């Protein structure tokens, strides 16, 4: 979905996070009231990613409000298709953190120039070059990030990256 085709206003999002890094980032931003919707409106933050699993766990209910599925993931090609019963009732919008959320740490550490074009995975670069051996661990991430630093890094990532037209990124989810 493009930035112009889906408005989250009025929806209660169910947030599906690809991994620990995405989940921690979303939780930090939610707690700081930095996302485009308030924490009180969120149905849940989950690591379930498959449409079938989300349907079973969350979509078999009659909600008193409109619910949408917000996906935060690094894969541009991951397929997600709800069954016909759910597809009309539950809009899906994806925020892509390609190539990996660890790029935000690279930006925060002012190492974009050293990493960009190196063909090294961001998580490997963080481990080898920045000494962040626990870059994928929730406790490390909660100590490393705060909402202001995450917001600044996400916006800088959007500025520096070549994001395909119509693709949403983490910065688009932030107020």
C-alpha atoms as a PDB file:
ATOM      1  CA  UNK A   1       0.000   0.000   0.000  1.00  0.00           C
ATOM      2  CA  UNK A   2       1.217   3.468  -0.688  1.00  0.00           C
ATOM      3  CA  UNK A   3       1.259   6.329   1.763  1.00  0.00           C
ATOM      4  CA  UNK A   4      -1.822   7.741   0.045  1.00  0.00           C
ATOM      5  CA  UNK A   5      -4.028   4.637  -0.072  1.00  0.00           C
ATOM      6  CA  UNK A   6      -4.531   3.658   3.557  1.00  0.00           C
ATOM      7  CA  UNK A   7      -5.318   5.842   6.540  1.00  0.00           C
ATOM      8  CA  UNK A   8      -4.896   4.158   9.935  1.00  0.00           C
ATOM      9  CA  UNK A   9      -7.174   6.696  11.630  1.00  0.00           C
ATOM     10  CA  UNK A  10     -10.100   4.979  13.297  1.00  0.00           C
ATOM     11  CA  UNK A  11      -8.545   1.532  13.120  1.00  0.00           C
ATOM     12  CA  UNK A  12      -7.299  -0.566  15.993  1.00  0.00           C
ATOM     13  CA  UNK A  13      -4.111  -2.175  14.726  1.00  0.00           C
ATOM     14  CA  UNK A  14      -2.918  -5.681  15.319  1.00  0.00           C
ATOM     15  CA  UNK A  15       0.844  -5.344  14.880  1.00  0.00           C
ATOM     16  CA  UNK A  16       2.723  -8.325  13.472  1.00  0.00           C
ATOM     17  CA  UNK A  17       6.498  -8.023  13.951  1.00  0.00           C
ATOM     18  CA  UNK A  18       8.953 -10.129  11.998  1.00  0.00           C
ATOM     19  CA  UNK A  19      11.512 -10.506  14.758  1.00  0.00           C
ATOM     20  CA  UNK A  20      12.774  -9.384  18.149  1.00  0.00           C
ATOM     21  CA  UNK A  21      14.340  -6.188  16.808  1.00  0.00           C
ATOM     22  CA  UNK A  22      11.098  -5.080  15.164  1.00  0.00           C
ATOM     23  CA  UNK A  23       9.048  -5.992  18.227  1.00  0.00           C
ATOM     24  CA  UNK A  24      11.275  -4.079  20.638  1.00  0.00           C
ATOM     25  CA  UNK A  25      11.284  -1.033  18.353  1.00  0.00           C
ATOM     26  CA  UNK A  26       7.495  -1.052  18.098  1.00  0.00           C
ATOM     27  CA  UNK A  27       7.106  -1.495  21.869  1.00  0.00           C
ATOM     28  CA  UNK A  28       9.495   1.387  22.614  1.00  0.00           C
ATOM     29  CA  UNK A  29       7.718   3.683  20.161  1.00  0.00           C
ATOM     30  CA  UNK A  30       4.277   2.649  21.445  1.00  0.00           C
ATOM     31  CA  UNK A  31       5.221   3.286  25.078  1.00  0.00           C
ATOM     32  CA  UNK A  32       6.471   6.766  24.143  1.00  0.00           C
ATOM     33  CA  UNK A  33       3.271   7.527  22.204  1.00  0.00           C
ATOM     34  CA  UNK A  34       5.401   8.085  19.094  1.00  0.00           C
ATOM     35  CA  UNK A  35       3.365   6.062  16.596  1.00  0.00           C
ATOM     36  CA  UNK A  36       0.504   7.319  14.433  1.00  0.00           C
ATOM     37  CA  UNK A  37      -1.964   5.541  16.716  1.00  0.00           C
ATOM     38  CA  UNK A  38      -2.127   5.424  20.527  1.00  0.00           C
ATOM     39  CA  UNK A  39      -1.052   2.366  22.469  1.00  0.00           C
ATOM     40  CA  UNK A  40      -4.579   2.072  23.904  1.00  0.00           C
ATOM     41  CA  UNK A  41      -5.933   1.371  20.393  1.00  0.00           C
ATOM     42  CA  UNK A  42      -3.570  -1.535  19.718  1.00  0.00           C
ATOM     43  CA  UNK A  43      -5.207  -4.968  19.722  1.00  0.00           C
ATOM     44  CA  UNK A  44      -1.846  -6.666  20.309  1.00  0.00           C
ATOM     45  CA  UNK A  45       1.792  -6.792  19.256  1.00  0.00           C
ATOM     46  CA  UNK A  46       2.626 -10.293  18.080  1.00  0.00           C
ATOM     47  CA  UNK A  47       5.416 -12.246  16.473  1.00  0.00           C
ATOM     48  CA  UNK A  48       2.914 -14.324  14.499  1.00  0.00           C
ATOM     49  CA  UNK A  49       3.604 -13.686  10.809  1.00  0.00           C
ATOM     50  CA  UNK A  50       1.620 -16.205   8.793  1.00  0.00           C
ATOM     51  CA  UNK A  51      -1.855 -15.117   7.727  1.00  0.00           C
ATOM     52  CA  UNK A  52      -3.320 -18.474   8.795  1.00  0.00           C
ATOM     53  CA  UNK A  53      -1.875 -18.138  12.313  1.00  0.00           C
ATOM     54  CA  UNK A  54      -3.134 -14.564  12.704  1.00  0.00           C
ATOM     55  CA  UNK A  55      -6.581 -15.589  11.495  1.00  0.00           C
ATOM     56  CA  UNK A  56      -6.840 -18.362  14.083  1.00  0.00           C
ATOM     57  CA  UNK A  57      -5.435 -16.324  16.973  1.00  0.00           C
ATOM     58  CA  UNK A  58      -7.022 -12.903  16.353  1.00  0.00           C
ATOM     59  CA  UNK A  59      -9.596 -12.670  13.584  1.00  0.00           C
ATOM     60  CA  UNK A  60     -12.313 -15.046  14.762  1.00  0.00           C
ATOM     61  CA  UNK A  61     -13.787 -12.355  17.014  1.00  0.00           C
ATOM     62  CA  UNK A  62     -16.472  -9.737  16.546  1.00  0.00           C
ATOM     63  CA  UNK A  63     -14.592  -6.582  17.443  1.00  0.00           C
ATOM     64  CA  UNK A  64     -16.593  -3.482  18.391  1.00  0.00           C
ATOM     65  CA  UNK A  65     -14.256  -1.363  16.264  1.00  0.00           C
ATOM     66  CA  UNK A  66     -12.502  -1.691  12.914  1.00  0.00           C
ATOM     67  CA  UNK A  67      -9.265  -3.689  13.106  1.00  0.00           C
ATOM     68  CA  UNK A  68      -6.386  -3.609  10.640  1.00  0.00           C
ATOM     69  CA  UNK A  69      -3.219  -5.654  10.476  1.00  0.00           C
ATOM     70  CA  UNK A  70       0.030  -3.691  10.562  1.00  0.00           C
ATOM     71  CA  UNK A  71       3.032  -5.759   9.505  1.00  0.00           C
ATOM     72  CA  UNK A  72       6.584  -4.647  10.386  1.00  0.00           C
ATOM     73  CA  UNK A  73       9.044  -6.800   8.463  1.00  0.00           C
ATOM     74  CA  UNK A  74      12.255  -6.629   6.436  1.00  0.00           C
ATOM     75  CA  UNK A  75      11.184  -8.820   3.521  1.00  0.00           C
ATOM     76  CA  UNK A  76       9.651  -7.141   0.500  1.00  0.00           C
ATOM     77  CA  UNK A  77       8.597 -10.473  -0.988  1.00  0.00           C
ATOM     78  CA  UNK A  78       6.953 -12.240   1.935  1.00  0.00           C
ATOM     79  CA  UNK A  79       3.454 -13.246   0.924  1.00  0.00           C
ATOM     80  CA  UNK A  80       0.560 -12.550   3.256  1.00  0.00           C
ATOM     81  CA  UNK A  81      -2.945 -13.375   2.096  1.00  0.00           C
ATOM     82  CA  UNK A  82      -5.964 -13.584   4.323  1.00  0.00           C
ATOM     83  CA  UNK A  83      -8.778 -15.979   3.449  1.00  0.00           C
ATOM     84  CA  UNK A  84     -11.745 -14.421   1.662  1.00  0.00           C
ATOM     85  CA  UNK A  85     -13.737 -14.436   4.904  1.00  0.00           C
ATOM     86  CA  UNK A  86     -11.236 -12.017   6.482  1.00  0.00           C
ATOM     87  CA  UNK A  87      -9.728 -10.098   3.546  1.00  0.00           C
ATOM     88  CA  UNK A  88     -12.619  -7.620   3.231  1.00  0.00           C
ATOM     89  CA  UNK A  89     -12.954  -7.008   6.984  1.00  0.00           C
ATOM     90  CA  UNK A  90      -9.293  -6.631   7.971  1.00  0.00           C
ATOM     91  CA  UNK A  91      -7.119  -4.333   5.864  1.00  0.00           C
ATOM     92  CA  UNK A  92      -3.402  -5.178   5.835  1.00  0.00           C
ATOM     93  CA  UNK A  93      -0.633  -2.597   5.604  1.00  0.00           C
ATOM     94  CA  UNK A  94       3.087  -3.429   5.600  1.00  0.00           C
ATOM     95  CA  UNK A  95       5.981  -1.308   6.834  1.00  0.00           C
ATOM     96  CA  UNK A  96       9.174  -2.649   5.332  1.00  0.00           C
ATOM     97  CA  UNK A  97      12.473  -2.326   7.209  1.00  0.00           C
ATOM     98  CA  UNK A  98      14.616  -3.589   4.339  1.00  0.00           C
ATOM     99  CA  UNK A  99      17.354  -4.738   4.553  1.00  0.00           C
ATOM    100  CA  UNK A 100      17.284  -5.092   8.368  1.00  0.00           C
ATOM    101  CA  UNK A 101      16.381  -3.009  11.398  1.00  0.00           C
ATOM    102  CA  UNK A 102      20.036  -3.129  12.416  1.00  0.00           C
ATOM    103  CA  UNK A 103      20.667  -0.423   9.799  1.00  0.00           C
ATOM    104  CA  UNK A 104      19.125   1.986  12.303  1.00  0.00           C
ATOM    105  CA  UNK A 105      21.956   1.217  14.753  1.00  0.00           C
ATOM    106  CA  UNK A 106      24.475   1.769  11.944  1.00  0.00           C
ATOM    107  CA  UNK A 107      22.911   5.176  11.307  1.00  0.00           C
ATOM    108  CA  UNK A 108      22.858   6.028  15.006  1.00  0.00           C
ATOM    109  CA  UNK A 109      26.552   5.125  15.279  1.00  0.00           C
ATOM    110  CA  UNK A 110      27.310   7.376  12.266  1.00  0.00           C
ATOM    111  CA  UNK A 111      28.659   4.387  10.338  1.00  0.00           C
ATOM    112  CA  UNK A 112      26.412   4.550   7.246  1.00  0.00           C
ATOM    113  CA  UNK A 113      29.322   5.565   5.006  1.00  0.00           C
ATOM    114  CA  UNK A 114      31.428   2.601   6.175  1.00  0.00           C
ATOM    115  CA  UNK A 115      28.596   0.096   5.816  1.00  0.00           C
ATOM    116  CA  UNK A 116      26.673   1.291   2.751  1.00  0.00           C
ATOM    117  CA  UNK A 117      27.873  -0.501  -0.355  1.00  0.00           C
ATOM    118  CA  UNK A 118      29.954  -2.997   1.632  1.00  0.00           C
ATOM    119  CA  UNK A 119      27.633  -5.960   0.895  1.00  0.00           C
ATOM    120  CA  UNK A 120      27.914  -6.963   4.579  1.00  0.00           C
ATOM    121  CA  UNK A 121      24.658  -7.842   6.309  1.00  0.00           C
ATOM    122  CA  UNK A 122      23.724  -5.047   8.729  1.00  0.00           C
ATOM    123  CA  UNK A 123      23.608  -7.434  11.706  1.00  0.00           C
ATOM    124  CA  UNK A 124      27.081  -8.759  10.856  1.00  0.00           C
ATOM    125  CA  UNK A 125      28.421  -5.227  10.455  1.00  0.00           C
ATOM    126  CA  UNK A 126      27.008  -4.281  13.862  1.00  0.00           C
ATOM    127  CA  UNK A 127      28.668  -7.305  15.453  1.00  0.00           C
ATOM    128  CA  UNK A 128      32.055  -7.051  13.734  1.00  0.00           C
ATOM    129  CA  UNK A 129      32.557  -3.331  13.190  1.00  0.00           C
ATOM    130  CA  UNK A 130      30.531  -1.757  15.982  1.00  0.00           C
ATOM    131  CA  UNK A 131      31.100  -4.370  18.688  1.00  0.00           C
ATOM    132  CA  UNK A 132      27.362  -4.923  19.143  1.00  0.00           C
ATOM    133  CA  UNK A 133      27.486  -8.676  19.572  1.00  0.00           C
ATOM    134  CA  UNK A 134      24.015  -8.784  21.123  1.00  0.00           C
ATOM    135  CA  UNK A 135      22.328  -6.584  18.499  1.00  0.00           C
ATOM    136  CA  UNK A 136      19.421  -9.022  18.159  1.00  0.00           C
ATOM    137  CA  UNK A 137      18.786  -9.491  21.905  1.00  0.00           C
ATOM    138  CA  UNK A 138      15.779  -7.768  23.436  1.00  0.00           C
ATOM    139  CA  UNK A 139      17.548  -6.718  26.650  1.00  0.00           C
ATOM    140  CA  UNK A 140      20.412  -5.095  24.701  1.00  0.00           C
ATOM    141  CA  UNK A 141      17.971  -3.310  22.398  1.00  0.00           C
ATOM    142  CA  UNK A 142      15.872  -1.954  25.269  1.00  0.00           C
ATOM    143  CA  UNK A 143      19.026  -0.479  26.815  1.00  0.00           C
ATOM    144  CA  UNK A 144      20.368   0.868  23.526  1.00  0.00           C
ATOM    145  CA  UNK A 145      17.255   2.499  22.072  1.00  0.00           C
ATOM    146  CA  UNK A 146      14.862   5.144  23.271  1.00  0.00           C
ATOM    147  CA  UNK A 147      11.993   6.613  21.254  1.00  0.00           C
ATOM    148  CA  UNK A 148      13.860   9.786  20.261  1.00  0.00           C
ATOM    149  CA  UNK A 149      16.905   7.883  18.974  1.00  0.00           C
ATOM    150  CA  UNK A 150      14.710   5.382  17.112  1.00  0.00           C
ATOM    151  CA  UNK A 151      12.664   8.164  15.548  1.00  0.00           C
ATOM    152  CA  UNK A 152      15.752  10.060  14.422  1.00  0.00           C
ATOM    153  CA  UNK A 153      17.386   6.929  12.980  1.00  0.00           C
ATOM    154  CA  UNK A 154      14.184   5.846  11.184  1.00  0.00           C
ATOM    155  CA  UNK A 155      13.775   9.272   9.583  1.00  0.00           C
ATOM    156  CA  UNK A 156      17.426   9.376   8.570  1.00  0.00           C
ATOM    157  CA  UNK A 157      17.101   5.892   7.084  1.00  0.00           C
ATOM    158  CA  UNK A 158      14.173   7.088   4.974  1.00  0.00           C
ATOM    159  CA  UNK A 159      16.268  10.024   3.769  1.00  0.00           C
ATOM    160  CA  UNK A 160      19.360   7.940   2.947  1.00  0.00           C
ATOM    161  CA  UNK A 161      17.722   4.866   1.417  1.00  0.00           C
ATOM    162  CA  UNK A 162      16.255   4.271  -1.978  1.00  0.00           C
ATOM    163  CA  UNK A 163      12.807   3.174  -0.892  1.00  0.00           C
ATOM    164  CA  UNK A 164      10.619   2.023  -3.782  1.00  0.00           C
ATOM    165  CA  UNK A 165       7.699   4.288  -4.625  1.00  0.00           C
ATOM    166  CA  UNK A 166       4.647   3.357  -2.596  1.00  0.00           C
ATOM    167  CA  UNK A 167       6.569   1.301  -0.038  1.00  0.00           C
ATOM    168  CA  UNK A 168       6.095   2.249   3.595  1.00  0.00           C
ATOM    169  CA  UNK A 169       8.961   2.195   6.075  1.00  0.00           C
ATOM    170  CA  UNK A 170       9.193   2.498   9.862  1.00  0.00           C
ATOM    171  CA  UNK A 171       9.395   6.312   9.663  1.00  0.00           C
ATOM    172  CA  UNK A 172       5.929   6.320   8.072  1.00  0.00           C
ATOM    173  CA  UNK A 173       4.540   4.643  11.186  1.00  0.00           C
ATOM    174  CA  UNK A 174       5.954   7.361  13.449  1.00  0.00           C
ATOM    175  CA  UNK A 175       4.157  10.624  14.155  1.00  0.00           C
END
